[in-house]
Amino acid sequence: MSDALVRVERTGAAVWCTLARPPLNLLEPALIQAVRETFRALARDSGVRVAVLTGSGRAFSAGMDVRVLGALDVAGARALITVLHEAIEAVHHAPFPVIAAVNGPSLGAGFELALACDLRLAVAGAALGLPEVRVGVPSVIEAALLPTLVGPGRAAEMLLTGEAIAAERALEWGLVNRVVEAGRLRAAVDEIVAHILAGGPTAIRLQKELMLRWRYADLASAIRYGINAFAMAYATEEPAEGASAFLEKRAPKFEGAP
């Protein structure tokens, strides 16, 4: 696994992935490839039930290294943005929940990495935004997730002005799930991880698959996918154990759960 630029720390079924190019974790080809290969490898590991993505130093990721952007021609730009999309897509399409632990600025492509995660927790005051227009390029690829999260008007403001918003406003807009003081970030993330791990392992994977399908499907298709997922859950013992635990007023004991 690409652990030189992405540090991987595993505790049971939970994995922390830390971008290790401090202080700003600027994205350049080697780090982009490391993210892609790390999440592709984790996706092949059925024992991984939840992952956390965070940054080292004082930023989650301050975006693309502008020195890389300045050296591109048309062909090079297409190649770079394609590989970047593959890396962010590997996060977005992971078969398990991914939590962004936004420990500092999350900008540009670094913000798109956070958008690709299922949940986002941020430290107070962290800046989140898409400043690409200010360096002469549009915000693209997974920036397309933004309008669904905050609405088209707010998305347009962020995309067209390039201005970042603070974590507190991002919380008001529904862009992040929680805002905590820096010293509380790990504990807050661990709390959510514990809640996820308490669910049925198969049910969580089915739910993640559905969440992805819903993003791309019309309403009728989304409902059909849900009907199939509900039925598939009964190919396991999880529904029977969950019902028994509820009726017996005890915590469920799902196979594969801690």
C-alpha atoms as a PDB file:
ATOM      1  CA  MET A   1       0.000   0.000   0.000  1.00  0.00           C
ATOM      2  CA  SER A   2       1.198   3.556  -0.728  1.00  0.00           C
ATOM      3  CA  ASP A   3       2.102   4.424   2.832  1.00  0.00           C
ATOM      4  CA  ALA A   4       4.967   6.884   2.265  1.00  0.00           C
ATOM      5  CA  LEU A   5       2.683   9.751   1.294  1.00  0.00           C
ATOM      6  CA  VAL A   6      -0.488   8.288   2.830  1.00  0.00           C
ATOM      7  CA  ARG A   7       0.030   6.869   6.319  1.00  0.00           C
ATOM      8  CA  VAL A   8      -2.331   3.999   7.082  1.00  0.00           C
ATOM      9  CA  GLU A   9      -3.191   3.194  10.686  1.00  0.00           C
ATOM     10  CA  ARG A  10      -5.515   0.263  11.253  1.00  0.00           C
ATOM     11  CA  THR A  11      -7.328  -0.662  14.441  1.00  0.00           C
ATOM     12  CA  GLY A  12      -9.551  -3.670  13.884  1.00  0.00           C
ATOM     13  CA  ALA A  13     -12.070  -2.851  11.160  1.00  0.00           C
ATOM     14  CA  ALA A  14     -11.362   0.909  11.215  1.00  0.00           C
ATOM     15  CA  VAL A  15      -8.605   2.549   9.167  1.00  0.00           C
ATOM     16  CA  TRP A  16      -7.170   6.059   9.462  1.00  0.00           C
ATOM     17  CA  CYS A  17      -5.526   7.371   6.273  1.00  0.00           C
ATOM     18  CA  THR A  18      -3.399  10.476   6.757  1.00  0.00           C
ATOM     19  CA  LEU A  19      -2.091  12.611   3.904  1.00  0.00           C
ATOM     20  CA  ALA A  20       1.587  12.912   4.768  1.00  0.00           C
ATOM     21  CA  ARG A  21       2.905  15.888   2.827  1.00  0.00           C
ATOM     22  CA  PRO A  22       2.897  18.536   5.564  1.00  0.00           C
ATOM     23  CA  PRO A  23       2.418  21.299   6.302  1.00  0.00           C
ATOM     24  CA  LEU A  24      -0.309  21.805   3.637  1.00  0.00           C
ATOM     25  CA  ASN A  25      -0.575  18.362   1.980  1.00  0.00           C
ATOM     26  CA  LEU A  26      -0.545  19.966  -1.449  1.00  0.00           C
ATOM     27  CA  LEU A  27      -1.632  17.514  -4.114  1.00  0.00           C
ATOM     28  CA  GLU A  28       0.850  16.591  -6.810  1.00  0.00           C
ATOM     29  CA  PRO A  29       1.167  13.436  -8.959  1.00  0.00           C
ATOM     30  CA  ALA A  30       2.859  11.236  -6.341  1.00  0.00           C
ATOM     31  CA  LEU A  31       0.389  12.052  -3.565  1.00  0.00           C
ATOM     32  CA  ILE A  32      -2.559  11.734  -5.945  1.00  0.00           C
ATOM     33  CA  GLN A  33      -1.377   8.275  -6.971  1.00  0.00           C
ATOM     34  CA  ALA A  34      -0.853   7.323  -3.317  1.00  0.00           C
ATOM     35  CA  VAL A  35      -4.449   8.249  -2.461  1.00  0.00           C
ATOM     36  CA  ARG A  36      -5.769   6.293  -5.429  1.00  0.00           C
ATOM     37  CA  GLU A  37      -3.752   3.166  -4.706  1.00  0.00           C
ATOM     38  CA  THR A  38      -4.424   3.284  -0.964  1.00  0.00           C
ATOM     39  CA  PHE A  39      -8.206   3.400  -1.368  1.00  0.00           C
ATOM     40  CA  ARG A  40      -8.235   0.862  -4.184  1.00  0.00           C
ATOM     41  CA  ALA A  41      -6.325  -1.533  -1.939  1.00  0.00           C
ATOM     42  CA  LEU A  42      -8.644  -0.884   1.024  1.00  0.00           C
ATOM     43  CA  ALA A  43     -11.668  -1.505  -1.215  1.00  0.00           C
ATOM     44  CA  ARG A  44     -10.377  -5.026  -1.885  1.00  0.00           C
ATOM     45  CA  ASP A  45     -10.138  -5.772   1.849  1.00  0.00           C
ATOM     46  CA  SER A  46     -13.487  -7.086   3.077  1.00  0.00           C
ATOM     47  CA  GLY A  47     -12.338  -6.604   6.669  1.00  0.00           C
ATOM     48  CA  VAL A  48     -12.357  -2.808   6.378  1.00  0.00           C
ATOM     49  CA  ARG A  49     -15.672  -1.442   7.675  1.00  0.00           C
ATOM     50  CA  VAL A  50     -14.944   2.281   7.922  1.00  0.00           C
ATOM     51  CA  ALA A  51     -12.122   4.630   6.928  1.00  0.00           C
ATOM     52  CA  VAL A  52     -11.122   8.102   8.074  1.00  0.00           C
ATOM     53  CA  LEU A  53      -9.250  10.504   5.796  1.00  0.00           C
ATOM     54  CA  THR A  54      -7.310  13.356   7.380  1.00  0.00           C
ATOM     55  CA  GLY A  55      -4.188  15.446   6.911  1.00  0.00           C
ATOM     56  CA  SER A  56      -0.894  15.885   8.712  1.00  0.00           C
ATOM     57  CA  GLY A  57       0.500  19.268   9.665  1.00  0.00           C
ATOM     58  CA  ARG A  58      -1.853  22.242   9.721  1.00  0.00           C
ATOM     59  CA  ALA A  59      -4.119  21.383   6.788  1.00  0.00           C
ATOM     60  CA  PHE A  60      -6.411  18.675   5.524  1.00  0.00           C
ATOM     61  CA  SER A  61      -5.211  19.619   2.051  1.00  0.00           C
ATOM     62  CA  ALA A  62      -4.778  23.109   0.657  1.00  0.00           C
ATOM     63  CA  GLY A  63      -5.357  21.800  -2.859  1.00  0.00           C
ATOM     64  CA  MET A  64      -3.215  21.281  -5.926  1.00  0.00           C
ATOM     65  CA  ASP A  65       0.384  22.392  -5.924  1.00  0.00           C
ATOM     66  CA  VAL A  66       0.189  25.514  -8.129  1.00  0.00           C
ATOM     67  CA  ARG A  67       3.709  24.839  -9.405  1.00  0.00           C
ATOM     68  CA  VAL A  68       2.344  21.677 -11.010  1.00  0.00           C
ATOM     69  CA  LEU A  69      -0.614  23.535 -12.528  1.00  0.00           C
ATOM     70  CA  GLY A  70       1.603  26.220 -14.017  1.00  0.00           C
ATOM     71  CA  ALA A  71       3.665  23.725 -16.008  1.00  0.00           C
ATOM     72  CA  LEU A  72       0.773  22.044 -17.852  1.00  0.00           C
ATOM     73  CA  ASP A  73      -0.299  22.106 -21.493  1.00  0.00           C
ATOM     74  CA  VAL A  74      -3.681  20.874 -22.769  1.00  0.00           C
ATOM     75  CA  ALA A  75      -2.670  17.206 -22.903  1.00  0.00           C
ATOM     76  CA  GLY A  76      -0.945  17.363 -19.543  1.00  0.00           C
ATOM     77  CA  ALA A  77      -3.941  19.078 -17.962  1.00  0.00           C
ATOM     78  CA  ARG A  78      -6.280  16.365 -19.227  1.00  0.00           C
ATOM     79  CA  ALA A  79      -3.969  13.621 -17.937  1.00  0.00           C
ATOM     80  CA  LEU A  80      -3.558  15.220 -14.515  1.00  0.00           C
ATOM     81  CA  ILE A  81      -7.246  15.910 -13.935  1.00  0.00           C
ATOM     82  CA  THR A  82      -8.116  12.372 -15.044  1.00  0.00           C
ATOM     83  CA  VAL A  83      -5.761  10.811 -12.521  1.00  0.00           C
ATOM     84  CA  LEU A  84      -7.008  13.196  -9.832  1.00  0.00           C
ATOM     85  CA  HIS A  85     -10.578  12.128 -10.584  1.00  0.00           C
ATOM     86  CA  GLU A  86      -9.558   8.470 -10.294  1.00  0.00           C
ATOM     87  CA  ALA A  87      -8.067   9.143  -6.861  1.00  0.00           C
ATOM     88  CA  ILE A  88     -11.083  11.069  -5.564  1.00  0.00           C
ATOM     89  CA  GLU A  89     -13.448   8.519  -7.096  1.00  0.00           C
ATOM     90  CA  ALA A  90     -11.615   5.739  -5.224  1.00  0.00           C
ATOM     91  CA  VAL A  91     -12.550   7.561  -2.009  1.00  0.00           C
ATOM     92  CA  HIS A  92     -16.088   8.351  -3.140  1.00  0.00           C
ATOM     93  CA  HIS A  93     -16.835   4.813  -4.311  1.00  0.00           C
ATOM     94  CA  ALA A  94     -15.210   2.944  -1.427  1.00  0.00           C
ATOM     95  CA  PRO A  95     -17.562   0.097  -0.395  1.00  0.00           C
ATOM     96  CA  PHE A  96     -17.419   1.271   3.227  1.00  0.00           C
ATOM     97  CA  PRO A  97     -18.194   4.652   4.838  1.00  0.00           C
ATOM     98  CA  VAL A  98     -15.417   7.246   4.647  1.00  0.00           C
ATOM     99  CA  ILE A  99     -15.209  10.103   7.148  1.00  0.00           C
ATOM    100  CA  ALA A 100     -13.268  13.291   6.417  1.00  0.00           C
ATOM    101  CA  ALA A 101     -11.550  14.551   9.558  1.00  0.00           C
ATOM    102  CA  VAL A 102     -10.905  18.104   8.367  1.00  0.00           C
ATOM    103  CA  ASN A 103      -8.067  19.185  10.627  1.00  0.00           C
ATOM    104  CA  GLY A 104      -7.392  22.465   8.844  1.00  0.00           C
ATOM    105  CA  PRO A 105      -7.835  24.187   5.461  1.00  0.00           C
ATOM    106  CA  SER A 106      -9.581  22.063   2.832  1.00  0.00           C
ATOM    107  CA  LEU A 107      -9.325  23.848  -0.482  1.00  0.00           C
ATOM    108  CA  GLY A 108      -9.598  23.105  -4.173  1.00  0.00           C
ATOM    109  CA  ALA A 109      -8.896  19.468  -4.934  1.00  0.00           C
ATOM    110  CA  GLY A 110      -8.445  18.929  -1.199  1.00  0.00           C
ATOM    111  CA  PHE A 111     -12.012  20.148  -0.703  1.00  0.00           C
ATOM    112  CA  GLU A 112     -13.172  17.758  -3.418  1.00  0.00           C
ATOM    113  CA  LEU A 113     -11.557  14.928  -1.448  1.00  0.00           C
ATOM    114  CA  ALA A 114     -13.636  15.963   1.557  1.00  0.00           C
ATOM    115  CA  LEU A 115     -16.780  16.237  -0.602  1.00  0.00           C
ATOM    116  CA  ALA A 116     -16.204  12.662  -1.765  1.00  0.00           C
ATOM    117  CA  CYS A 117     -16.400  11.397   1.826  1.00  0.00           C
ATOM    118  CA  ASP A 118     -19.712  10.337   3.361  1.00  0.00           C
ATOM    119  CA  LEU A 119     -19.350  12.393   6.542  1.00  0.00           C
ATOM    120  CA  ARG A 120     -17.271  15.469   7.337  1.00  0.00           C
ATOM    121  CA  LEU A 121     -16.102  16.663  10.742  1.00  0.00           C
ATOM    122  CA  ALA A 122     -14.098  19.875  10.870  1.00  0.00           C
ATOM    123  CA  VAL A 123     -12.104  21.794  13.407  1.00  0.00           C
ATOM    124  CA  ALA A 124     -13.399  25.232  14.351  1.00  0.00           C
ATOM    125  CA  GLY A 125     -12.313  27.922  11.920  1.00  0.00           C
ATOM    126  CA  ALA A 126     -11.161  25.559   9.176  1.00  0.00           C
ATOM    127  CA  ALA A 127     -11.498  27.114   5.713  1.00  0.00           C
ATOM    128  CA  LEU A 128     -13.327  25.147   3.030  1.00  0.00           C
ATOM    129  CA  GLY A 129     -13.583  26.294  -0.559  1.00  0.00           C
ATOM    130  CA  LEU A 130     -12.874  26.049  -4.261  1.00  0.00           C
ATOM    131  CA  PRO A 131     -10.510  28.883  -5.264  1.00  0.00           C
ATOM    132  CA  GLU A 132      -9.643  27.512  -8.725  1.00  0.00           C
ATOM    133  CA  VAL A 133     -11.112  30.430 -10.698  1.00  0.00           C
ATOM    134  CA  ARG A 134      -8.611  32.683  -8.951  1.00  0.00           C
ATOM    135  CA  VAL A 135      -5.744  30.788 -10.578  1.00  0.00           C
ATOM    136  CA  GLY A 136      -7.387  30.665 -13.986  1.00  0.00           C
ATOM    137  CA  VAL A 137      -9.111  27.270 -14.085  1.00  0.00           C
ATOM    138  CA  PRO A 138     -12.653  26.095 -13.279  1.00  0.00           C
ATOM    139  CA  SER A 139     -13.509  23.793 -10.397  1.00  0.00           C
ATOM    140  CA  VAL A 140     -14.298  20.421 -11.956  1.00  0.00           C
ATOM    141  CA  ILE A 141     -14.695  16.664 -11.359  1.00  0.00           C
ATOM    142  CA  GLU A 142     -16.070  16.004  -7.845  1.00  0.00           C
ATOM    143  CA  ALA A 143     -16.857  19.680  -7.321  1.00  0.00           C
ATOM    144  CA  ALA A 144     -20.065  18.551  -9.063  1.00  0.00           C
ATOM    145  CA  LEU A 145     -21.115  17.052  -5.703  1.00  0.00           C
ATOM    146  CA  LEU A 146     -21.362  20.513  -4.124  1.00  0.00           C
ATOM    147  CA  PRO A 147     -24.790  21.703  -5.416  1.00  0.00           C
ATOM    148  CA  THR A 148     -26.513  18.625  -4.003  1.00  0.00           C
ATOM    149  CA  LEU A 149     -24.954  19.256  -0.595  1.00  0.00           C
ATOM    150  CA  VAL A 150     -25.524  23.008  -0.214  1.00  0.00           C
ATOM    151  CA  GLY A 151     -27.990  23.915  -2.975  1.00  0.00           C
ATOM    152  CA  PRO A 152     -27.313  25.518  -6.373  1.00  0.00           C
ATOM    153  CA  GLY A 153     -27.245  29.115  -5.150  1.00  0.00           C
ATOM    154  CA  ARG A 154     -24.666  28.606  -2.428  1.00  0.00           C
ATOM    155  CA  ALA A 155     -22.643  26.333  -4.694  1.00  0.00           C
ATOM    156  CA  ALA A 156     -22.632  28.988  -7.420  1.00  0.00           C
ATOM    157  CA  GLU A 157     -21.367  31.591  -4.953  1.00  0.00           C
ATOM    158  CA  MET A 158     -18.489  29.390  -3.851  1.00  0.00           C
ATOM    159  CA  LEU A 159     -17.617  28.318  -7.402  1.00  0.00           C
ATOM    160  CA  LEU A 160     -17.810  31.748  -9.042  1.00  0.00           C
ATOM    161  CA  THR A 161     -16.149  33.846  -6.341  1.00  0.00           C
ATOM    162  CA  GLY A 162     -13.557  31.319  -5.221  1.00  0.00           C
ATOM    163  CA  GLU A 163     -14.126  32.469  -1.647  1.00  0.00           C
ATOM    164  CA  ALA A 164     -13.786  29.950   1.165  1.00  0.00           C
ATOM    165  CA  ILE A 165     -16.211  29.594   4.046  1.00  0.00           C
ATOM    166  CA  ALA A 166     -15.391  28.789   7.653  1.00  0.00           C
ATOM    167  CA  ALA A 167     -16.341  25.454   9.183  1.00  0.00           C
ATOM    168  CA  GLU A 168     -19.036  27.131  11.258  1.00  0.00           C
ATOM    169  CA  ARG A 169     -20.852  28.385   8.160  1.00  0.00           C
ATOM    170  CA  ALA A 170     -20.296  25.019   6.479  1.00  0.00           C
ATOM    171  CA  LEU A 171     -22.129  23.457   9.432  1.00  0.00           C
ATOM    172  CA  GLU A 172     -25.058  25.855   8.969  1.00  0.00           C
ATOM    173  CA  TRP A 173     -25.192  24.915   5.282  1.00  0.00           C
ATOM    174  CA  GLY A 174     -25.133  21.177   5.990  1.00  0.00           C
ATOM    175  CA  LEU A 175     -21.747  20.790   4.357  1.00  0.00           C
ATOM    176  CA  VAL A 176     -20.099  19.389   7.485  1.00  0.00           C
ATOM    177  CA  ASN A 177     -21.697  17.216  10.147  1.00  0.00           C
ATOM    178  CA  ARG A 178     -19.920  18.566  13.203  1.00  0.00           C
ATOM    179  CA  VAL A 179     -17.498  21.333  14.160  1.00  0.00           C
ATOM    180  CA  VAL A 180     -15.217  20.700  17.126  1.00  0.00           C
ATOM    181  CA  GLU A 181     -12.168  22.223  18.734  1.00  0.00           C
ATOM    182  CA  ALA A 182      -8.896  20.911  17.316  1.00  0.00           C
ATOM    183  CA  GLY A 183      -8.092  18.865  20.388  1.00  0.00           C
ATOM    184  CA  ARG A 184     -11.454  17.090  20.148  1.00  0.00           C
ATOM    185  CA  LEU A 185     -11.346  16.035  16.488  1.00  0.00           C
ATOM    186  CA  ARG A 186      -9.986  12.526  17.006  1.00  0.00           C
ATOM    187  CA  ALA A 187     -12.413  11.791  19.835  1.00  0.00           C
ATOM    188  CA  ALA A 188     -15.388  13.102  17.849  1.00  0.00           C
ATOM    189  CA  VAL A 189     -14.456  10.985  14.832  1.00  0.00           C
ATOM    190  CA  ASP A 190     -13.883   7.909  16.988  1.00  0.00           C
ATOM    191  CA  GLU A 191     -17.381   8.361  18.428  1.00  0.00           C
ATOM    192  CA  ILE A 192     -18.948   8.235  14.966  1.00  0.00           C
ATOM    193  CA  VAL A 193     -16.722   5.314  13.971  1.00  0.00           C
ATOM    194  CA  ALA A 194     -17.970   3.392  17.005  1.00  0.00           C
ATOM    195  CA  HIS A 195     -21.586   4.033  16.020  1.00  0.00           C
ATOM    196  CA  ILE A 196     -20.917   2.784  12.476  1.00  0.00           C
ATOM    197  CA  LEU A 197     -19.142  -0.332  13.740  1.00  0.00           C
ATOM    198  CA  ALA A 198     -22.137  -1.088  15.981  1.00  0.00           C
ATOM    199  CA  GLY A 199     -24.292  -1.597  12.887  1.00  0.00           C
ATOM    200  CA  GLY A 200     -24.558  -4.780  10.880  1.00  0.00           C
ATOM    201  CA  PRO A 201     -21.451  -5.101   8.678  1.00  0.00           C
ATOM    202  CA  THR A 202     -23.444  -6.217   5.648  1.00  0.00           C
ATOM    203  CA  ALA A 203     -26.184  -3.669   6.296  1.00  0.00           C
ATOM    204  CA  ILE A 204     -23.618  -0.848   6.386  1.00  0.00           C
ATOM    205  CA  ARG A 205     -22.096  -1.953   3.081  1.00  0.00           C
ATOM    206  CA  LEU A 206     -25.535  -2.238   1.495  1.00  0.00           C
ATOM    207  CA  GLN A 207     -26.404   1.230   2.817  1.00  0.00           C
ATOM    208  CA  LYS A 208     -23.210   2.725   1.391  1.00  0.00           C
ATOM    209  CA  GLU A 209     -23.903   1.122  -1.981  1.00  0.00           C
ATOM    210  CA  LEU A 210     -27.429   2.544  -1.940  1.00  0.00           C
ATOM    211  CA  MET A 211     -26.197   6.026  -1.040  1.00  0.00           C
ATOM    212  CA  LEU A 212     -23.947   5.967  -4.093  1.00  0.00           C
ATOM    213  CA  ARG A 213     -26.682   4.632  -6.371  1.00  0.00           C
ATOM    214  CA  TRP A 214     -29.121   7.308  -5.162  1.00  0.00           C
ATOM    215  CA  ARG A 215     -26.704  10.031  -6.289  1.00  0.00           C
ATOM    216  CA  TYR A 216     -26.846   8.829  -9.892  1.00  0.00           C
ATOM    217  CA  ALA A 217     -30.396   7.481 -10.153  1.00  0.00           C
ATOM    218  CA  ASP A 218     -33.866   8.861 -10.715  1.00  0.00           C
ATOM    219  CA  LEU A 219     -36.361   8.378  -7.883  1.00  0.00           C
ATOM    220  CA  ALA A 220     -38.035   5.288  -9.321  1.00  0.00           C
ATOM    221  CA  SER A 221     -34.693   3.545  -9.867  1.00  0.00           C
ATOM    222  CA  ALA A 222     -33.503   4.550  -6.401  1.00  0.00           C
ATOM    223  CA  ILE A 223     -36.558   2.901  -4.858  1.00  0.00           C
ATOM    224  CA  ARG A 224     -36.031  -0.290  -6.875  1.00  0.00           C
ATOM    225  CA  TYR A 225     -32.416  -0.433  -5.702  1.00  0.00           C
ATOM    226  CA  GLY A 226     -33.640  -0.074  -2.122  1.00  0.00           C
ATOM    227  CA  ILE A 227     -36.129  -2.930  -2.473  1.00  0.00           C
ATOM    228  CA  ASN A 228     -33.362  -5.195  -3.724  1.00  0.00           C
ATOM    229  CA  ALA A 229     -30.976  -4.138  -0.937  1.00  0.00           C
ATOM    230  CA  PHE A 230     -33.627  -4.809   1.716  1.00  0.00           C
ATOM    231  CA  ALA A 231     -34.179  -8.311   0.347  1.00  0.00           C
ATOM    232  CA  MET A 232     -30.432  -8.985   0.076  1.00  0.00           C
ATOM    233  CA  ALA A 233     -29.976  -8.160   3.760  1.00  0.00           C
ATOM    234  CA  TYR A 234     -31.977 -11.314   4.514  1.00  0.00           C
ATOM    235  CA  ALA A 235     -29.302 -13.432   2.857  1.00  0.00           C
ATOM    236  CA  THR A 236     -27.448 -12.871   6.148  1.00  0.00           C
ATOM    237  CA  GLU A 237     -28.368 -13.445   9.798  1.00  0.00           C
ATOM    238  CA  GLU A 238     -28.218  -9.741  10.583  1.00  0.00           C
ATOM    239  CA  PRO A 239     -31.956  -8.941  10.384  1.00  0.00           C
ATOM    240  CA  ALA A 240     -32.862 -11.871  12.650  1.00  0.00           C
ATOM    241  CA  GLU A 241     -30.198 -10.909  15.191  1.00  0.00           C
ATOM    242  CA  GLY A 242     -31.196  -7.249  15.042  1.00  0.00           C
ATOM    243  CA  ALA A 243     -34.861  -8.034  15.652  1.00  0.00           C
ATOM    244  CA  SER A 244     -34.071 -10.445  18.482  1.00  0.00           C
ATOM    245  CA  ALA A 245     -31.783  -7.924  20.168  1.00  0.00           C
ATOM    246  CA  PHE A 246     -34.440  -5.208  19.931  1.00  0.00           C
ATOM    247  CA  LEU A 247     -37.134  -7.407  21.448  1.00  0.00           C
ATOM    248  CA  GLU A 248     -34.776  -8.659  24.172  1.00  0.00           C
ATOM    249  CA  LYS A 249     -33.616  -5.101  24.944  1.00  0.00           C
ATOM    250  CA  ARG A 250     -29.921  -5.873  24.407  1.00  0.00           C
ATOM    251  CA  ALA A 251     -27.198  -4.790  22.040  1.00  0.00           C
ATOM    252  CA  PRO A 252     -27.075  -6.857  18.823  1.00  0.00           C
ATOM    253  CA  LYS A 253     -24.169  -9.219  18.264  1.00  0.00           C
ATOM    254  CA  PHE A 254     -23.562  -9.098  14.551  1.00  0.00           C
ATOM    255  CA  GLU A 255     -21.057 -11.486  13.037  1.00  0.00           C
ATOM    256  CA  GLY A 256     -17.888  -9.575  12.242  1.00  0.00           C
ATOM    257  CA  ALA A 257     -18.758  -6.689  14.564  1.00  0.00           C
ATOM    258  CA  PRO A 258     -16.406  -5.822  17.453  1.00  0.00           C
END
